[in-house]
């Protein structure tokens, strides 16, 4: 249901066809609700028009490309684990000796467990192990 802003208590009768870009105020008189609401409507319309001009539908935005790191892995933790404190750390597997840099953390959400996203930086102590073992202490 759309609200009618040109009725009580707003009285915003902004009409873009009138091409008003400024509202002037009389010194010594109180500002009215209608004037403040019309100011907001004018500014909102100017931002909308500028945005549509700057960002044409389907136009490429520099620096806005997507990327994916196919070498990143993830490790989940039991519920209640504060994975936020691990951000940026280098973790080492207690048994394997494998090391990995934490590149991102996600707290538990719904059915998802706390998760860290990592990039392995060094193979294990036997130089053949490439990943952490299941249930390995980090």
Protein backbone atom coordinates (compact mmCIF):
# COMPACT_ATOMS: atom_id res chain seq x y z
CA UNK A 1 0.00 0.00 0.00
CA UNK A 2 1.52 3.30 -1.12
CA UNK A 3 1.31 6.26 1.23
CA UNK A 4 -0.16 9.52 0.00
CA UNK A 5 2.36 12.12 1.10
CA UNK A 6 0.22 14.98 -0.25
CA UNK A 7 -2.24 14.61 2.64
CA UNK A 8 -2.25 15.22 6.38
CA UNK A 9 0.12 15.27 8.17
CA UNK A 10 2.81 15.52 5.44
CA UNK A 11 1.40 17.86 2.76
CA UNK A 12 4.26 17.08 0.37
CA UNK A 13 2.97 18.25 -3.02
CA UNK A 14 6.29 17.93 -4.84
CA UNK A 15 5.81 17.62 -8.60
CA UNK A 16 8.91 17.02 -10.70
CA UNK A 17 7.13 18.47 -13.76
CA UNK A 18 7.23 21.92 -12.10
CA UNK A 19 11.05 21.66 -12.05
CA UNK A 20 11.51 23.31 -8.66
CA UNK A 21 15.06 22.94 -7.38
CA UNK A 22 15.01 25.32 -4.43
CA UNK A 23 12.70 26.31 -1.59
CA UNK A 24 13.21 29.70 -0.04
CA UNK A 25 12.31 30.53 3.56
CA UNK A 26 11.15 33.85 5.02
CA UNK A 27 13.23 35.04 7.95
CA UNK A 28 11.26 35.24 11.19
CA UNK A 29 8.65 32.67 10.11
CA UNK A 30 8.48 29.08 11.29
CA UNK A 31 9.45 26.36 8.84
CA UNK A 32 6.48 24.25 7.82
CA UNK A 33 6.28 20.49 7.48
CA UNK A 34 5.34 20.86 3.82
CA UNK A 35 8.57 22.77 3.09
CA UNK A 36 10.81 20.25 4.83
CA UNK A 37 9.12 17.32 3.07
CA UNK A 38 9.38 19.04 -0.31
CA UNK A 39 13.11 19.62 0.32
CA UNK A 40 13.54 15.90 0.95
CA UNK A 41 11.62 15.03 -2.20
CA UNK A 42 13.69 17.44 -4.32
CA UNK A 43 16.96 16.02 -3.01
CA UNK A 44 15.75 12.43 -3.39
CA UNK A 45 14.75 13.08 -7.02
CA UNK A 46 18.10 14.77 -7.79
CA UNK A 47 20.02 11.79 -6.36
CA UNK A 48 17.83 9.37 -8.33
CA UNK A 49 18.35 11.25 -11.61
CA UNK A 50 22.10 11.56 -11.02
CA UNK A 51 22.38 7.86 -10.16
CA UNK A 52 20.50 6.85 -13.31
CA UNK A 53 22.75 9.09 -15.39
CA UNK A 54 26.02 7.92 -13.82
CA UNK A 55 25.16 4.22 -13.71
CA UNK A 56 23.32 3.20 -16.84
CA UNK A 57 21.66 -0.22 -16.57
CA UNK A 58 24.30 -2.84 -17.33
CA UNK A 59 27.20 -0.36 -17.37
CA UNK A 60 30.52 -1.63 -16.05
CA UNK A 61 31.77 0.03 -12.89
CA UNK A 62 35.54 0.26 -12.57
CA UNK A 63 36.84 -1.66 -9.58
CA UNK A 64 33.51 -3.46 -9.28
CA UNK A 65 34.53 -6.73 -10.88
CA UNK A 66 34.01 -9.99 -9.06
CA UNK A 67 36.74 -12.40 -8.15
CA UNK A 68 36.96 -15.87 -6.68
CA UNK A 69 39.88 -17.57 -5.00
CA UNK A 70 39.71 -21.24 -5.91
CA UNK A 71 42.67 -22.03 -3.65
CA UNK A 72 40.87 -21.00 -0.46
CA UNK A 73 39.65 -23.75 1.86
CA UNK A 74 37.46 -23.68 4.95
CA UNK A 75 37.50 -25.16 8.43
CA UNK A 76 34.41 -25.41 10.64
CA UNK A 77 34.41 -25.27 14.43
CA UNK A 78 31.97 -26.42 17.12
CA UNK A 79 29.14 -24.05 18.07
CA UNK A 80 30.22 -21.49 20.62
CA UNK A 81 33.72 -21.06 19.17
CA UNK A 82 34.71 -17.39 18.74
CA UNK A 83 36.33 -17.55 15.29
CA UNK A 84 36.52 -13.74 15.03
CA UNK A 85 39.71 -13.69 17.08
CA UNK A 86 41.44 -15.86 14.45
CA UNK A 87 41.19 -13.32 11.64
CA UNK A 88 44.59 -12.75 10.01
CA UNK A 89 46.42 -15.34 12.12
CA UNK A 90 48.62 -18.16 10.80
CA UNK A 91 47.45 -21.50 12.20
CA UNK A 92 49.59 -24.61 12.53
CA UNK A 93 48.24 -28.15 12.79
CA UNK A 94 49.51 -29.78 16.00
CA UNK A 95 50.01 -33.23 14.42
CA UNK A 96 50.58 -32.47 10.73
CA UNK A 97 52.62 -29.26 11.02
CA UNK A 98 50.64 -27.79 8.11
CA UNK A 99 50.32 -23.99 8.28
CA UNK A 100 47.54 -21.80 6.89
CA UNK A 101 46.70 -18.08 6.85
CA UNK A 102 43.17 -17.16 8.00
CA UNK A 103 41.73 -14.89 5.30
CA UNK A 104 38.11 -14.60 6.50
CA UNK A 105 35.89 -15.64 9.41
CA UNK A 106 32.14 -16.28 9.64
CA UNK A 107 30.27 -16.61 12.93
CA UNK A 108 27.58 -19.27 13.40
CA UNK A 109 24.35 -18.39 11.60
CA UNK A 110 21.24 -20.55 11.63
CA UNK A 111 22.40 -24.09 10.93
CA UNK A 112 25.89 -22.98 9.76
CA UNK A 113 28.77 -23.64 12.14
CA UNK A 114 31.46 -21.04 12.91
CA UNK A 115 33.81 -21.17 9.91
CA UNK A 116 37.20 -19.79 8.93
CA UNK A 117 38.44 -19.51 5.38
CA UNK A 118 42.12 -20.24 4.93
CA UNK A 119 44.93 -20.45 2.40
CA UNK A 120 47.50 -23.11 3.09
CA UNK A 121 50.99 -21.63 3.28
CA UNK A 122 53.24 -24.60 4.08
CA UNK A 123 53.05 -28.37 3.82
CA UNK A 124 53.33 -30.52 6.91
CA UNK A 125 56.39 -31.73 8.78
CA UNK A 126 56.64 -34.73 6.46
CA UNK A 127 56.50 -32.35 3.43
CA UNK A 128 53.71 -34.45 1.91
CA UNK A 129 50.67 -33.49 4.01
CA UNK A 130 48.91 -30.58 2.32
CA UNK A 131 45.82 -30.01 4.52
CA UNK A 132 44.76 -30.15 8.14
CA UNK A 133 43.53 -33.58 9.28
CA UNK A 134 39.93 -33.99 10.45
CA UNK A 135 39.58 -33.04 14.15
CA UNK A 136 43.22 -31.87 14.27
CA UNK A 137 44.05 -29.34 16.99
CA UNK A 138 45.12 -26.01 15.49
